């Protein structure tokens, strides 16, 4: 398969995935509204947002490493292919700090959940 065909396939697959994600979100909100009380729906919505935030903490790191590896895949003997996963220390440090901040926020949200459960 040529690069252009791979690009087209990837583009179409991405849009299909985006559409499926939108449909799932709409269906799950409707389902949650039908079966949960207002308070339970609020906790469910908060949990969904926290999960999205934690997924966002990745900050595209996995996609960028994959892209770098794909750029150097044809020249494996040059040394760039194997060293591409090492990334620069500043980028890894920033990623680590963002992840730690996410864990702090998750801990605070757990405290909110505990308070909501203890004081109905």
PDB file of N, CA and C in Angstrom:
ATOM      1  N   UNK A   1       0.847  -1.183   0.000  1.00  0.00           N
ATOM      2  CA  UNK A   1       0.000   0.000   0.000  1.00  0.00           C
ATOM      3  C   UNK A   1       0.889   1.241   0.000  1.00  0.00           C
ATOM      4  N   UNK A   2       0.534   2.224  -0.805  1.00  0.00           N
ATOM      5  CA  UNK A   2       1.346   3.434  -0.874  1.00  0.00           C
ATOM      6  C   UNK A   2       1.080   4.314   0.347  1.00  0.00           C
ATOM      7  N   UNK A   3       1.938   5.298   0.513  1.00  0.00           N
ATOM      8  CA  UNK A   3       1.801   6.207   1.643  1.00  0.00           C
ATOM      9  C   UNK A   3       0.500   6.994   1.556  1.00  0.00           C
ATOM     10  N   UNK A   4       0.123   7.383   0.358  1.00  0.00           N
ATOM     11  CA  UNK A   4      -1.109   8.140   0.173  1.00  0.00           C
ATOM     12  C   UNK A   4      -2.338   7.311   0.538  1.00  0.00           C
ATOM     13  N   UNK A   5      -2.325   6.029   0.193  1.00  0.00           N
ATOM     14  CA  UNK A   5      -3.440   5.158   0.571  1.00  0.00           C
ATOM     15  C   UNK A   5      -3.501   4.989   2.080  1.00  0.00           C
ATOM     16  N   UNK A   6      -2.326   4.835   2.718  1.00  0.00           N
ATOM     17  CA  UNK A   6      -2.298   4.731   4.185  1.00  0.00           C
ATOM     18  C   UNK A   6      -2.845   6.012   4.813  1.00  0.00           C
ATOM     19  N   UNK A   7      -2.443   7.147   4.250  1.00  0.00           N
ATOM     20  CA  UNK A   7      -2.922   8.423   4.768  1.00  0.00           C
ATOM     21  C   UNK A   7      -4.441   8.515   4.645  1.00  0.00           C
ATOM     22  N   UNK A   8      -4.973   8.174   3.473  1.00  0.00           N
ATOM     23  CA  UNK A   8      -6.419   8.221   3.265  1.00  0.00           C
ATOM     24  C   UNK A   8      -7.163   7.270   4.183  1.00  0.00           C
ATOM     25  N   UNK A   9      -6.620   6.077   4.331  1.00  0.00           N
ATOM     26  CA  UNK A   9      -7.246   5.094   5.227  1.00  0.00           C
ATOM     27  C   UNK A   9      -7.236   5.606   6.656  1.00  0.00           C
ATOM     28  N   UNK A  10      -6.127   6.178   7.082  1.00  0.00           N
ATOM     29  CA  UNK A  10      -6.017   6.705   8.437  1.00  0.00           C
ATOM     30  C   UNK A  10      -6.967   7.876   8.649  1.00  0.00           C
ATOM     31  N   UNK A  11      -7.079   8.747   7.661  1.00  0.00           N
ATOM     32  CA  UNK A  11      -7.967   9.895   7.762  1.00  0.00           C
ATOM     33  C   UNK A  11      -9.426   9.459   7.880  1.00  0.00           C
ATOM     34  N   UNK A  12      -9.840   8.551   7.019  1.00  0.00           N
ATOM     35  CA  UNK A  12     -11.224   8.067   7.062  1.00  0.00           C
ATOM     36  C   UNK A  12     -11.506   7.317   8.360  1.00  0.00           C
ATOM     37  N   UNK A  13     -10.555   6.501   8.801  1.00  0.00           N
ATOM     38  CA  UNK A  13     -10.731   5.767  10.068  1.00  0.00           C
ATOM     39  C   UNK A  13     -10.847   6.724  11.241  1.00  0.00           C
ATOM     40  N   UNK A  14     -10.066   7.796  11.214  1.00  0.00           N
ATOM     41  CA  UNK A  14     -10.132   8.787  12.287  1.00  0.00           C
ATOM     42  C   UNK A  14     -11.488   9.461  12.359  1.00  0.00           C
ATOM     43  N   UNK A  15     -12.044   9.811  11.200  1.00  0.00           N
ATOM     44  CA  UNK A  15     -13.364  10.439  11.191  1.00  0.00           C
ATOM     45  C   UNK A  15     -14.461   9.459  11.609  1.00  0.00           C
ATOM     46  N   UNK A  16     -14.341   8.217  11.221  1.00  0.00           N
ATOM     47  CA  UNK A  16     -15.317   7.205  11.660  1.00  0.00           C
ATOM     48  C   UNK A  16     -15.244   7.031  13.173  1.00  0.00           C
ATOM     49  N   UNK A  17     -14.031   7.000  13.705  1.00  0.00           N
ATOM     50  CA  UNK A  17     -13.858   6.886  15.154  1.00  0.00           C
ATOM     51  C   UNK A  17     -14.439   8.092  15.878  1.00  0.00           C
ATOM     52  N   UNK A  18     -14.230   9.273  15.328  1.00  0.00           N
ATOM     53  CA  UNK A  18     -14.784  10.482  15.925  1.00  0.00           C
ATOM     54  C   UNK A  18     -16.312  10.436  15.930  1.00  0.00           C
ATOM     55  N   UNK A  19     -16.903  10.002  14.823  1.00  0.00           N
ATOM     56  CA  UNK A  19     -18.358   9.879  14.763  1.00  0.00           C
ATOM     57  C   UNK A  19     -18.898   8.845  15.744  1.00  0.00           C
ATOM     58  N   UNK A  20     -18.202   7.713  15.860  1.00  0.00           N
ATOM     59  CA  UNK A  20     -18.627   6.678  16.816  1.00  0.00           C
ATOM     60  C   UNK A  20     -18.538   7.207  18.244  1.00  0.00           C
ATOM     61  N   UNK A  21     -17.514   7.987  18.527  1.00  0.00           N
ATOM     62  CA  UNK A  21     -17.349   8.556  19.861  1.00  0.00           C
ATOM     63  C   UNK A  21     -18.493   9.521  20.182  1.00  0.00           C
ATOM     64  N   UNK A  22     -18.888  10.340  19.225  1.00  0.00           N
ATOM     65  CA  UNK A  22     -19.997  11.271  19.430  1.00  0.00           C
ATOM     66  C   UNK A  22     -21.296  10.508  19.672  1.00  0.00           C
ATOM     67  N   UNK A  23     -21.561   9.489  18.862  1.00  0.00           N
ATOM     68  CA  UNK A  23     -22.781   8.695  19.042  1.00  0.00           C
ATOM     69  C   UNK A  23     -22.807   7.996  20.400  1.00  0.00           C
ATOM     70  N   UNK A  24     -21.665   7.435  20.808  1.00  0.00           N
ATOM     71  CA  UNK A  24     -21.586   6.776  22.112  1.00  0.00           C
ATOM     72  C   UNK A  24     -21.845   7.777  23.238  1.00  0.00           C
ATOM     73  N   UNK A  25     -21.259   8.959  23.134  1.00  0.00           N
ATOM     74  CA  UNK A  25     -21.441   9.966  24.179  1.00  0.00           C
ATOM     75  C   UNK A  25     -22.906  10.368  24.293  1.00  0.00           C
ATOM     76  N   UNK A  26     -23.537  10.624  23.156  1.00  0.00           N
ATOM     77  CA  UNK A  26     -24.957  10.998  23.191  1.00  0.00           C
ATOM     78  C   UNK A  26     -25.823   9.885  23.758  1.00  0.00           C
ATOM     79  N   UNK A  27     -25.551   8.655  23.360  1.00  0.00           N
ATOM     80  CA  UNK A  27     -26.349   7.527  23.851  1.00  0.00           C
ATOM     81  C   UNK A  27     -26.110   7.291  25.339  1.00  0.00           C
ATOM     82  N   UNK A  28     -24.870   7.417  25.784  1.00  0.00           N
ATOM     83  CA  UNK A  28     -24.589   7.150  27.199  1.00  0.00           C
ATOM     84  C   UNK A  28     -25.176   8.232  28.099  1.00  0.00           C
ATOM     85  N   UNK A  29     -25.187   9.480  27.652  1.00  0.00           N
ATOM     86  CA  UNK A  29     -25.800  10.543  28.457  1.00  0.00           C
ATOM     87  C   UNK A  29     -27.305  10.300  28.560  1.00  0.00           C
ATOM     88  N   UNK A  30     -27.922   9.959  27.455  1.00  0.00           N
ATOM     89  CA  UNK A  30     -29.367   9.686  27.474  1.00  0.00           C
ATOM     90  C   UNK A  30     -29.686   8.506  28.393  1.00  0.00           C
ATOM     91  N   UNK A  31     -28.893   7.462  28.306  1.00  0.00           N
ATOM     92  CA  UNK A  31     -29.086   6.289  29.152  1.00  0.00           C
ATOM     93  C   UNK A  31     -28.883   6.635  30.624  1.00  0.00           C
ATOM     94  N   UNK A  32     -27.857   7.426  30.911  1.00  0.00           N
ATOM     95  CA  UNK A  32     -27.595   7.818  32.300  1.00  0.00           C
ATOM     96  C   UNK A  32     -28.719   8.689  32.844  1.00  0.00           C
ATOM     97  N   UNK A  33     -29.240   9.597  32.028  1.00  0.00           N
ATOM     98  CA  UNK A  33     -30.350  10.437  32.482  1.00  0.00           C
ATOM     99  C   UNK A  33     -31.597   9.618  32.793  1.00  0.00           C
ATOM    100  N   UNK A  34     -31.805   8.549  32.039  1.00  0.00           N
ATOM    101  CA  UNK A  34     -32.982   7.704  32.262  1.00  0.00           C
ATOM    102  C   UNK A  34     -32.873   6.863  33.532  1.00  0.00           C
ATOM    103  N   UNK A  35     -31.684   6.450  33.915  1.00  0.00           N
ATOM    104  CA  UNK A  35     -31.534   5.470  34.990  1.00  0.00           C
ATOM    105  C   UNK A  35     -30.891   6.004  36.266  1.00  0.00           C
ATOM    106  N   UNK A  36     -30.404   7.240  36.279  1.00  0.00           N
ATOM    107  CA  UNK A  36     -29.735   7.772  37.474  1.00  0.00           C
ATOM    108  C   UNK A  36     -30.511   8.953  38.026  1.00  0.00           C
ATOM    109  N   UNK A  37     -30.396   9.133  39.334  1.00  0.00           N
ATOM    110  CA  UNK A  37     -30.985  10.333  39.940  1.00  0.00           C
ATOM    111  C   UNK A  37     -30.124  11.536  39.558  1.00  0.00           C
ATOM    112  N   UNK A  38     -30.583  12.718  39.906  1.00  0.00           N
ATOM    113  CA  UNK A  38     -29.839  13.929  39.548  1.00  0.00           C
ATOM    114  C   UNK A  38     -28.461  13.923  40.210  1.00  0.00           C
ATOM    115  N   UNK A  39     -28.407  13.531  41.475  1.00  0.00           N
ATOM    116  CA  UNK A  39     -27.133  13.507  42.193  1.00  0.00           C
ATOM    117  C   UNK A  39     -26.194  12.454  41.611  1.00  0.00           C
ATOM    118  N   UNK A  40     -26.728  11.268  41.327  1.00  0.00           N
ATOM    119  CA  UNK A  40     -25.905  10.209  40.727  1.00  0.00           C
ATOM    120  C   UNK A  40     -25.437  10.603  39.335  1.00  0.00           C
ATOM    121  N   UNK A  41     -26.296  11.294  38.581  1.00  0.00           N
ATOM    122  CA  UNK A  41     -25.891  11.754  37.254  1.00  0.00           C
ATOM    123  C   UNK A  41     -24.759  12.766  37.361  1.00  0.00           C
ATOM    124  N   UNK A  42     -24.827  13.632  38.352  1.00  0.00           N
ATOM    125  CA  UNK A  42     -23.750  14.605  38.557  1.00  0.00           C
ATOM    126  C   UNK A  42     -22.428  13.919  38.847  1.00  0.00           C
ATOM    127  N   UNK A  43     -22.459  12.898  39.699  1.00  0.00           N
ATOM    128  CA  UNK A  43     -21.231  12.150  39.989  1.00  0.00           C
ATOM    129  C   UNK A  43     -20.730  11.403  38.759  1.00  0.00           C
ATOM    130  N   UNK A  44     -21.651  10.837  37.986  1.00  0.00           N
ATOM    131  CA  UNK A  44     -21.267  10.136  36.761  1.00  0.00           C
ATOM    132  C   UNK A  44     -20.631  11.094  35.762  1.00  0.00           C
ATOM    133  N   UNK A  45     -21.222  12.286  35.608  1.00  0.00           N
ATOM    134  CA  UNK A  45     -20.682  13.275  34.672  1.00  0.00           C
ATOM    135  C   UNK A  45     -19.300  13.736  35.117  1.00  0.00           C
ATOM    136  N   UNK A  46     -19.135  13.946  36.422  1.00  0.00           N
ATOM    137  CA  UNK A  46     -17.826  14.350  36.942  1.00  0.00           C
ATOM    138  C   UNK A  46     -16.790  13.260  36.701  1.00  0.00           C
ATOM    139  N   UNK A  47     -17.178  12.015  36.942  1.00  0.00           N
ATOM    140  CA  UNK A  47     -16.270  10.898  36.710  1.00  0.00           C
ATOM    141  C   UNK A  47     -15.870  10.814  35.236  1.00  0.00           C
ATOM    142  N   UNK A  48     -16.825  11.031  34.350  1.00  0.00           N
ATOM    143  CA  UNK A  48     -16.524  11.000  32.917  1.00  0.00           C
ATOM    144  C   UNK A  48     -15.548  12.105  32.540  1.00  0.00           C
ATOM    145  N   UNK A  49     -15.731  13.275  33.116  1.00  0.00           N
ATOM    146  CA  UNK A  49     -14.823  14.382  32.824  1.00  0.00           C
ATOM    147  C   UNK A  49     -13.424  14.125  33.371  1.00  0.00           C
ATOM    148  N   UNK A  50     -13.337  13.543  34.550  1.00  0.00           N
ATOM    149  CA  UNK A  50     -12.030  13.211  35.126  1.00  0.00           C
ATOM    150  C   UNK A  50     -11.321  12.179  34.262  1.00  0.00           C
ATOM    151  N   UNK A  51     -12.055  11.183  33.778  1.00  0.00           N
ATOM    152  CA  UNK A  51     -11.456  10.174  32.905  1.00  0.00           C
ATOM    153  C   UNK A  51     -10.937  10.814  31.626  1.00  0.00           C
ATOM    154  N   UNK A  52     -11.691  11.756  31.085  1.00  0.00           N
ATOM    155  CA  UNK A  52     -11.234  12.468  29.898  1.00  0.00           C
ATOM    156  C   UNK A  52      -9.999  13.303  30.180  1.00  0.00           C
ATOM    157  N   UNK A  53      -9.965  13.925  31.352  1.00  0.00           N
ATOM    158  CA  UNK A  53      -8.798  14.723  31.738  1.00  0.00           C
ATOM    159  C   UNK A  53      -7.565  13.837  31.888  1.00  0.00           C
ATOM    160  N   UNK A  54      -7.728  12.692  32.507  1.00  0.00           N
ATOM    161  CA  UNK A  54      -6.593  11.791  32.692  1.00  0.00           C
ATOM    162  C   UNK A  54      -6.094  11.283  31.341  1.00  0.00           C
ATOM    163  N   UNK A  55      -7.010  11.028  30.416  1.00  0.00           N
ATOM    164  CA  UNK A  55      -6.590  10.626  29.071  1.00  0.00           C
ATOM    165  C   UNK A  55      -5.886  11.775  28.365  1.00  0.00           C
ATOM    166  N   UNK A  56      -6.271  13.011  28.675  1.00  0.00           N
ATOM    167  CA  UNK A  56      -5.663  14.182  28.056  1.00  0.00           C
ATOM    168  C   UNK A  56      -4.243  14.423  28.570  1.00  0.00           C
ATOM    169  N   UNK A  57      -3.919  13.904  29.753  1.00  0.00           N
ATOM    170  CA  UNK A  57      -2.601  14.110  30.343  1.00  0.00           C
ATOM    171  C   UNK A  57      -1.498  13.552  29.447  1.00  0.00           C
ATOM    172  N   UNK A  58      -1.831  12.584  28.637  1.00  0.00           N
ATOM    173  CA  UNK A  58      -0.866  12.016  27.693  1.00  0.00           C
ATOM    174  C   UNK A  58      -0.281  13.109  26.797  1.00  0.00           C
ATOM    175  N   UNK A  59      -1.034  14.153  26.531  1.00  0.00           N
ATOM    176  CA  UNK A  59      -0.611  15.312  25.746  1.00  0.00           C
ATOM    177  C   UNK A  59      -0.053  14.937  24.379  1.00  0.00           C
ATOM    178  N   UNK A  60      -0.541  13.883  23.784  1.00  0.00           N
ATOM    179  CA  UNK A  60      -0.095  13.499  22.454  1.00  0.00           C
ATOM    180  C   UNK A  60       1.274  12.860  22.414  1.00  0.00           C
ATOM    181  N   UNK A  61       1.806  12.503  23.572  1.00  0.00           N
ATOM    182  CA  UNK A  61       3.157  11.950  23.623  1.00  0.00           C
ATOM    183  C   UNK A  61       3.248  10.640  22.840  1.00  0.00           C
ATOM    184  N   UNK A  62       2.269   9.761  22.999  1.00  0.00           N
ATOM    185  CA  UNK A  62       2.341   8.472  22.308  1.00  0.00           C
ATOM    186  C   UNK A  62       2.234   8.663  20.797  1.00  0.00           C
ATOM    187  N   UNK A  63       1.387   9.588  20.351  1.00  0.00           N
ATOM    188  CA  UNK A  63       1.267   9.842  18.911  1.00  0.00           C
ATOM    189  C   UNK A  63       2.550  10.435  18.348  1.00  0.00           C
ATOM    190  N   UNK A  64       3.173  11.348  19.082  1.00  0.00           N
ATOM    191  CA  UNK A  64       4.389  11.976  18.558  1.00  0.00           C
ATOM    192  C   UNK A  64       5.540  10.980  18.498  1.00  0.00           C
ATOM    193  N   UNK A  65       5.656  10.099  19.479  1.00  0.00           N
ATOM    194  CA  UNK A  65       6.716   9.087  19.442  1.00  0.00           C
ATOM    195  C   UNK A  65       6.482   8.137  18.270  1.00  0.00           C
ATOM    196  N   UNK A  66       5.233   7.763  18.031  1.00  0.00           N
ATOM    197  CA  UNK A  66       4.926   6.903  16.883  1.00  0.00           C
ATOM    198  C   UNK A  66       5.287   7.595  15.577  1.00  0.00           C
ATOM    199  N   UNK A  67       4.988   8.878  15.491  1.00  0.00           N
ATOM    200  CA  UNK A  67       5.297   9.625  14.275  1.00  0.00           C
ATOM    201  C   UNK A  67       6.807   9.705  14.056  1.00  0.00           C
ATOM    202  N   UNK A  68       7.560   9.937  15.117  1.00  0.00           N
ATOM    203  CA  UNK A  68       9.016   9.999  15.004  1.00  0.00           C
ATOM    204  C   UNK A  68       9.572   8.652  14.560  1.00  0.00           C
ATOM    205  N   UNK A  69       9.045   7.579  15.146  1.00  0.00           N
ATOM    206  CA  UNK A  69       9.500   6.248  14.737  1.00  0.00           C
ATOM    207  C   UNK A  69       9.184   5.977  13.273  1.00  0.00           C
ATOM    208  N   UNK A  70       8.018   6.409  12.819  1.00  0.00           N
ATOM    209  CA  UNK A  70       7.656   6.191  11.415  1.00  0.00           C
ATOM    210  C   UNK A  70       8.545   7.006  10.477  1.00  0.00           C
ATOM    211  N   UNK A  71       8.969   8.191  10.915  1.00  0.00           N
ATOM    212  CA  UNK A  71       9.857   9.002  10.072  1.00  0.00           C
ATOM    213  C   UNK A  71      11.209   8.338   9.874  1.00  0.00           C
ATOM    214  N   UNK A  72      11.669   7.594  10.865  1.00  0.00           N
ATOM    215  CA  UNK A  72      13.006   7.001  10.812  1.00  0.00           C
ATOM    216  C   UNK A  72      12.992   5.497  10.547  1.00  0.00           C
ATOM    217  N   UNK A  73      11.853   4.919  10.236  1.00  0.00           N
ATOM    218  CA  UNK A  73      11.772   3.467  10.077  1.00  0.00           C
ATOM    219  C   UNK A  73      12.547   2.939   8.885  1.00  0.00           C
ATOM    220  N   UNK A  74      12.718   3.754   7.851  1.00  0.00           N
ATOM    221  CA  UNK A  74      13.415   3.293   6.657  1.00  0.00           C
ATOM    222  C   UNK A  74      14.931   3.321   6.807  1.00  0.00           C
ATOM    223  N   UNK A  75      15.424   4.054   7.805  1.00  0.00           N
ATOM    224  CA  UNK A  75      16.872   4.181   7.998  1.00  0.00           C
ATOM    225  C   UNK A  75      17.252   3.650   9.380  1.00  0.00           C
ATOM    226  N   UNK A  76      17.066   2.358   9.586  1.00  0.00           N
ATOM    227  CA  UNK A  76      17.341   1.760  10.901  1.00  0.00           C
ATOM    228  C   UNK A  76      18.827   1.722  11.223  1.00  0.00           C
ATOM    229  N   UNK A  77      19.669   1.653  10.212  1.00  0.00           N
ATOM    230  CA  UNK A  77      21.107   1.572  10.455  1.00  0.00           C
ATOM    231  C   UNK A  77      21.690   2.922  10.880  1.00  0.00           C
ATOM    232  N   UNK A  78      20.977   4.012  10.639  1.00  0.00           N
ATOM    233  CA  UNK A  78      21.485   5.342  10.957  1.00  0.00           C
ATOM    234  C   UNK A  78      21.527   5.655  12.440  1.00  0.00           C
ATOM    235  N   UNK A  79      20.855   4.910  13.259  1.00  0.00           N
ATOM    236  CA  UNK A  79      20.878   5.145  14.703  1.00  0.00           C
ATOM    237  C   UNK A  79      19.739   6.007  15.211  1.00  0.00           C
ATOM    238  N   UNK A  80      19.037   6.717  14.337  1.00  0.00           N
ATOM    239  CA  UNK A  80      17.925   7.564  14.783  1.00  0.00           C
ATOM    240  C   UNK A  80      16.686   6.755  15.151  1.00  0.00           C
ATOM    241  N   UNK A  81      16.502   5.598  14.519  1.00  0.00           N
ATOM    242  CA  UNK A  81      15.312   4.788  14.768  1.00  0.00           C
ATOM    243  C   UNK A  81      15.289   4.279  16.206  1.00  0.00           C
ATOM    244  N   UNK A  82      16.386   3.731  16.666  1.00  0.00           N
ATOM    245  CA  UNK A  82      16.431   3.186  18.021  1.00  0.00           C
ATOM    246  C   UNK A  82      16.494   4.238  19.098  1.00  0.00           C
ATOM    247  N   UNK A  83      17.050   5.420  18.778  1.00  0.00           N
ATOM    248  CA  UNK A  83      17.185   6.461  19.794  1.00  0.00           C
ATOM    249  C   UNK A  83      15.970   7.378  19.843  1.00  0.00           C
ATOM    250  N   UNK A  84      15.013   7.199  18.944  1.00  0.00           N
ATOM    251  CA  UNK A  84      13.852   8.090  18.901  1.00  0.00           C
ATOM    252  C   UNK A  84      12.972   7.932  20.130  1.00  0.00           C
ATOM    253  N   UNK A  85      12.937   6.769  20.731  1.00  0.00           N
ATOM    254  CA  UNK A  85      12.105   6.556  21.911  1.00  0.00           C
ATOM    255  C   UNK A  85      12.659   7.215  23.149  1.00  0.00           C
ATOM    256  N   UNK A  86      13.899   7.648  23.104  1.00  0.00           N
ATOM    257  CA  UNK A  86      14.523   8.262  24.275  1.00  0.00           C
ATOM    258  C   UNK A  86      14.009   9.647  24.578  1.00  0.00           C
ATOM    259  N   UNK A  87      13.504  10.371  23.601  1.00  0.00           N
ATOM    260  CA  UNK A  87      12.984  11.728  23.750  1.00  0.00           C
ATOM    261  C   UNK A  87      13.927  12.612  24.565  1.00  0.00           C
ATOM    262  N   UNK A  88      13.670  13.875  24.573  1.00  0.00           N
ATOM    263  CA  UNK A  88      14.531  14.756  25.361  1.00  0.00           C
ATOM    264  C   UNK A  88      14.100  14.754  26.823  1.00  0.00           C
ATOM    265  N   UNK A  89      15.036  14.961  27.729  1.00  0.00           N
ATOM    266  CA  UNK A  89      14.707  14.902  29.164  1.00  0.00           C
ATOM    267  C   UNK A  89      13.695  15.960  29.596  1.00  0.00           C
ATOM    268  N   UNK A  90      13.723  17.144  28.959  1.00  0.00           N
ATOM    269  CA  UNK A  90      12.775  18.185  29.347  1.00  0.00           C
ATOM    270  C   UNK A  90      11.343  17.768  29.015  1.00  0.00           C
ATOM    271  N   UNK A  91      11.164  17.129  27.881  1.00  0.00           N
ATOM    272  CA  UNK A  91       9.824  16.675  27.506  1.00  0.00           C
ATOM    273  C   UNK A  91       9.312  15.608  28.448  1.00  0.00           C
ATOM    274  N   UNK A  92      10.179  14.681  28.815  1.00  0.00           N
ATOM    275  CA  UNK A  92       9.784  13.617  29.736  1.00  0.00           C
ATOM    276  C   UNK A  92       9.498  14.195  31.111  1.00  0.00           C
ATOM    277  N   UNK A  93      10.308  15.167  31.543  1.00  0.00           N
ATOM    278  CA  UNK A  93      10.097  15.794  32.842  1.00  0.00           C
ATOM    279  C   UNK A  93       8.759  16.532  32.873  1.00  0.00           C
ATOM    280  N   UNK A  94       8.449  17.262  31.797  1.00  0.00           N
ATOM    281  CA  UNK A  94       7.170  17.964  31.733  1.00  0.00           C
ATOM    282  C   UNK A  94       6.000  16.998  31.732  1.00  0.00           C
ATOM    283  N   UNK A  95       6.168  15.895  31.028  1.00  0.00           N
ATOM    284  CA  UNK A  95       5.116  14.874  30.988  1.00  0.00           C
ATOM    285  C   UNK A  95       4.917  14.279  32.381  1.00  0.00           C
ATOM    286  N   UNK A  96       6.012  14.031  33.082  1.00  0.00           N
ATOM    287  CA  UNK A  96       5.937  13.476  34.436  1.00  0.00           C
ATOM    288  C   UNK A  96       5.245  14.471  35.378  1.00  0.00           C
ATOM    289  N   UNK A  97       5.564  15.753  35.253  1.00  0.00           N
ATOM    290  CA  UNK A  97       4.931  16.758  36.110  1.00  0.00           C
ATOM    291  C   UNK A  97       3.439  16.861  35.831  1.00  0.00           C
ATOM    292  N   UNK A  98       3.060  16.801  34.567  1.00  0.00           N
ATOM    293  CA  UNK A  98       1.636  16.849  34.229  1.00  0.00           C
ATOM    294  C   UNK A  98       0.906  15.632  34.790  1.00  0.00           C
ATOM    295  N   UNK A  99       1.538  14.479  34.726  1.00  0.00           N
ATOM    296  CA  UNK A  99       0.920  13.266  35.269  1.00  0.00           C
ATOM    297  C   UNK A  99       0.753  13.384  36.787  1.00  0.00           C
ATOM    298  N   UNK A 100       1.769  13.899  37.478  1.00  0.00           N
ATOM    299  CA  UNK A 100       1.662  14.077  38.924  1.00  0.00           C
ATOM    300  C   UNK A 100       0.553  15.062  39.278  1.00  0.00           C
ATOM    301  N   UNK A 101       0.437  16.136  38.509  1.00  0.00           N
ATOM    302  CA  UNK A 101      -0.646  17.090  38.745  1.00  0.00           C
ATOM    303  C   UNK A 101      -1.999  16.419  38.536  1.00  0.00           C
ATOM    304  N   UNK A 102      -2.092  15.558  37.534  1.00  0.00           N
ATOM    305  CA  UNK A 102      -3.328  14.817  37.313  1.00  0.00           C
ATOM    306  C   UNK A 102      -3.677  13.921  38.492  1.00  0.00           C
ATOM    307  N   UNK A 103      -2.665  13.279  39.070  1.00  0.00           N
ATOM    308  CA  UNK A 103      -2.911  12.438  40.240  1.00  0.00           C
ATOM    309  C   UNK A 103      -3.383  13.276  41.424  1.00  0.00           C
ATOM    310  N   UNK A 104      -2.819  14.479  41.581  1.00  0.00           N
ATOM    311  CA  UNK A 104      -3.271  15.356  42.667  1.00  0.00           C
ATOM    312  C   UNK A 104      -4.738  15.730  42.481  1.00  0.00           C
ATOM    313  N   UNK A 105      -5.093  16.102  41.264  1.00  0.00           N
ATOM    314  CA  UNK A 105      -6.481  16.476  40.975  1.00  0.00           C
ATOM    315  C   UNK A 105      -7.404  15.276  41.197  1.00  0.00           C
ATOM    316  N   UNK A 106      -6.956  14.093  40.787  1.00  0.00           N
ATOM    317  CA  UNK A 106      -7.773  12.891  40.994  1.00  0.00           C
ATOM    318  C   UNK A 106      -7.986  12.637  42.483  1.00  0.00           C
ATOM    319  N   UNK A 107      -6.963  12.859  43.302  1.00  0.00           N
ATOM    320  CA  UNK A 107      -7.108  12.701  44.750  1.00  0.00           C
ATOM    321  C   UNK A 107      -8.120  13.679  45.330  1.00  0.00           C
ATOM    322  N   UNK A 108      -8.085  14.917  44.846  1.00  0.00           N
ATOM    323  CA  UNK A 108      -9.053  15.909  45.310  1.00  0.00           C
ATOM    324  C   UNK A 108     -10.470  15.534  44.895  1.00  0.00           C
ATOM    325  N   UNK A 109     -10.613  14.994  43.705  1.00  0.00           N
ATOM    326  CA  UNK A 109     -11.935  14.599  43.240  1.00  0.00           C
ATOM    327  C   UNK A 109     -12.451  13.402  44.044  1.00  0.00           C
ATOM    328  N   UNK A 110     -11.552  12.495  44.420  1.00  0.00           N
ATOM    329  CA  UNK A 110     -11.968  11.383  45.279  1.00  0.00           C
ATOM    330  C   UNK A 110     -12.481  11.892  46.617  1.00  0.00           C
ATOM    331  N   UNK A 111     -11.853  12.928  47.152  1.00  0.00           N
ATOM    332  CA  UNK A 111     -12.343  13.524  48.398  1.00  0.00           C
ATOM    333  C   UNK A 111     -13.753  14.094  48.202  1.00  0.00           C
ATOM    334  N   UNK A 112     -13.991  14.717  47.054  1.00  0.00           N
ATOM    335  CA  UNK A 112     -15.327  15.245  46.764  1.00  0.00           C
ATOM    336  C   UNK A 112     -16.334  14.104  46.698  1.00  0.00           C
ATOM    337  N   UNK A 113     -15.964  12.993  46.048  1.00  0.00           N
ATOM    338  CA  UNK A 113     -16.852  11.834  45.983  1.00  0.00           C
ATOM    339  C   UNK A 113     -17.157  11.316  47.384  1.00  0.00           C
ATOM    340  N   UNK A 114     -16.145  11.202  48.221  1.00  0.00           N
ATOM    341  CA  UNK A 114     -16.355  10.702  49.577  1.00  0.00           C
ATOM    342  C   UNK A 114     -17.305  11.601  50.357  1.00  0.00           C
ATOM    343  N   UNK A 115     -17.147  12.921  50.224  1.00  0.00           N
ATOM    344  CA  UNK A 115     -18.039  13.838  50.904  1.00  0.00           C
ATOM    345  C   UNK A 115     -19.465  13.709  50.388  1.00  0.00           C
ATOM    346  N   UNK A 116     -19.609  13.544  49.087  1.00  0.00           N
ATOM    347  CA  UNK A 116     -20.945  13.419  48.488  1.00  0.00           C
ATOM    348  C   UNK A 116     -21.633  12.141  48.955  1.00  0.00           C
ATOM    349  N   UNK A 117     -20.875  11.072  49.113  1.00  0.00           N
ATOM    350  CA  UNK A 117     -21.443   9.790  49.545  1.00  0.00           C
ATOM    351  C   UNK A 117     -21.779   9.840  51.030  1.00  0.00           C
ATOM    352  N   UNK A 118     -20.947  10.469  51.842  1.00  0.00           N
ATOM    353  CA  UNK A 118     -21.166  10.515  53.287  1.00  0.00           C
ATOM    354  C   UNK A 118     -22.295  11.466  53.675  1.00  0.00           C
ATOM    355  N   UNK A 119     -22.499  12.527  52.911  1.00  0.00           N
ATOM    356  CA  UNK A 119     -23.525  13.517  53.231  1.00  0.00           C
ATOM    357  C   UNK A 119     -24.533  13.615  52.086  1.00  0.00           C
ATOM    358  N   UNK A 120     -25.474  12.684  52.037  1.00  0.00           N
ATOM    359  CA  UNK A 120     -26.443  12.681  50.925  1.00  0.00           C
ATOM    360  C   UNK A 120     -27.399  13.823  50.929  1.00  0.00           C
TER     361      UNK A 120
END
